[in-house]
Amino acid sequence: MPTKKRKRFIAGATCPKCKSVDTLMLFFENNIEQLACVKCDYSESQTDRDTAKASKNDAGVIGVFKPD
């Protein structure tokens, strides 16, 4: 049986592409953090290098996602 992806919406976040509010969701796929908009086709993934760099600066934060 395939595992179900657990998706979390980011309250108050604005999609960088369509500018909709409260449409961005965050989930893990193949141990990579993914960000996607449910209204448009915008998506972004966070690389391990970005995660390691962010975790050194923000010790109490699990992951930092910075859309362009």
Protein backbone atom coordinates (compact mmCIF):
# COMPACT_ATOMS: atom_id res chain seq x y z
CA MET A 1 0.00 0.00 0.00
CA PRO A 2 1.52 3.38 -0.98
CA THR A 3 2.17 5.89 1.77
CA LYS A 4 -0.02 8.98 1.83
CA LYS A 5 1.73 12.34 1.51
CA ARG A 6 0.99 14.62 4.43
CA LYS A 7 0.41 18.13 3.11
CA ARG A 8 0.27 21.25 5.26
CA PHE A 9 -1.06 24.60 4.14
CA ILE A 10 0.92 27.71 5.05
CA ALA A 11 -1.48 30.22 6.59
CA GLY A 12 -1.17 33.72 5.19
CA ALA A 13 1.40 32.77 2.52
CA THR A 14 1.09 34.33 -0.93
CA CYS A 15 1.94 32.41 -4.09
CA PRO A 16 4.81 34.13 -5.94
CA LYS A 17 3.25 33.26 -9.32
CA CYS A 18 -0.53 33.83 -9.08
CA LYS A 19 -0.47 36.03 -5.92
CA SER A 20 -3.28 33.99 -4.27
CA VAL A 21 -3.27 33.93 -0.48
CA ASP A 22 -3.57 30.69 1.54
CA THR A 23 -3.00 28.40 -1.46
CA LEU A 24 0.57 27.21 -0.75
CA MET A 25 1.09 23.75 0.66
CA LEU A 26 4.25 22.18 2.03
CA PHE A 27 5.03 18.45 1.86
CA PHE A 28 7.90 15.97 1.61
CA GLU A 29 8.50 13.86 -1.48
CA ASN A 30 11.50 11.50 -1.54
CA ASN A 31 12.84 13.28 1.57
CA ILE A 32 12.87 16.63 -0.23
CA GLU A 33 10.73 19.50 1.01
CA GLN A 34 8.30 20.62 -1.70
CA LEU A 35 6.21 23.79 -1.94
CA ALA A 36 3.24 23.94 -4.32
CA CYS A 37 0.27 26.18 -5.07
CA VAL A 38 -3.14 24.51 -5.39
CA LYS A 39 -4.47 27.28 -7.68
CA CYS A 40 -1.72 27.44 -10.30
CA ASP A 41 1.15 25.21 -11.42
CA TYR A 42 3.78 26.89 -9.21
CA SER A 43 6.08 24.51 -7.36
CA GLU A 44 9.48 24.66 -5.76
CA SER A 45 11.74 22.17 -4.01
CA GLN A 46 14.35 22.79 -1.35
CA THR A 47 17.75 21.26 -1.87
CA ASP A 48 19.82 19.66 0.88
CA ARG A 49 22.39 22.46 0.53
CA ASP A 50 19.71 25.09 1.23
CA THR A 51 18.45 23.07 4.21
CA ALA A 52 21.93 22.66 5.72
CA LYS A 53 22.74 26.35 5.26
CA ALA A 54 19.46 27.43 6.85
CA SER A 55 19.71 25.00 9.77
CA LYS A 56 23.12 26.40 10.79
CA ASN A 57 21.68 29.91 11.03
CA ASP A 58 18.31 28.96 12.53
CA ALA A 59 18.99 26.20 15.06
CA GLY A 60 15.39 26.05 16.34
CA VAL A 61 13.81 25.97 12.87
CA ILE A 62 13.19 22.64 11.10
CA GLY A 63 13.20 24.04 7.55
CA VAL A 64 13.29 27.45 5.93
CA PHE A 65 11.62 27.99 2.59
CA LYS A 66 12.43 31.25 0.81
CA PRO A 67 10.50 31.68 -2.46
CA ASP A 68 12.14 34.05 -4.93
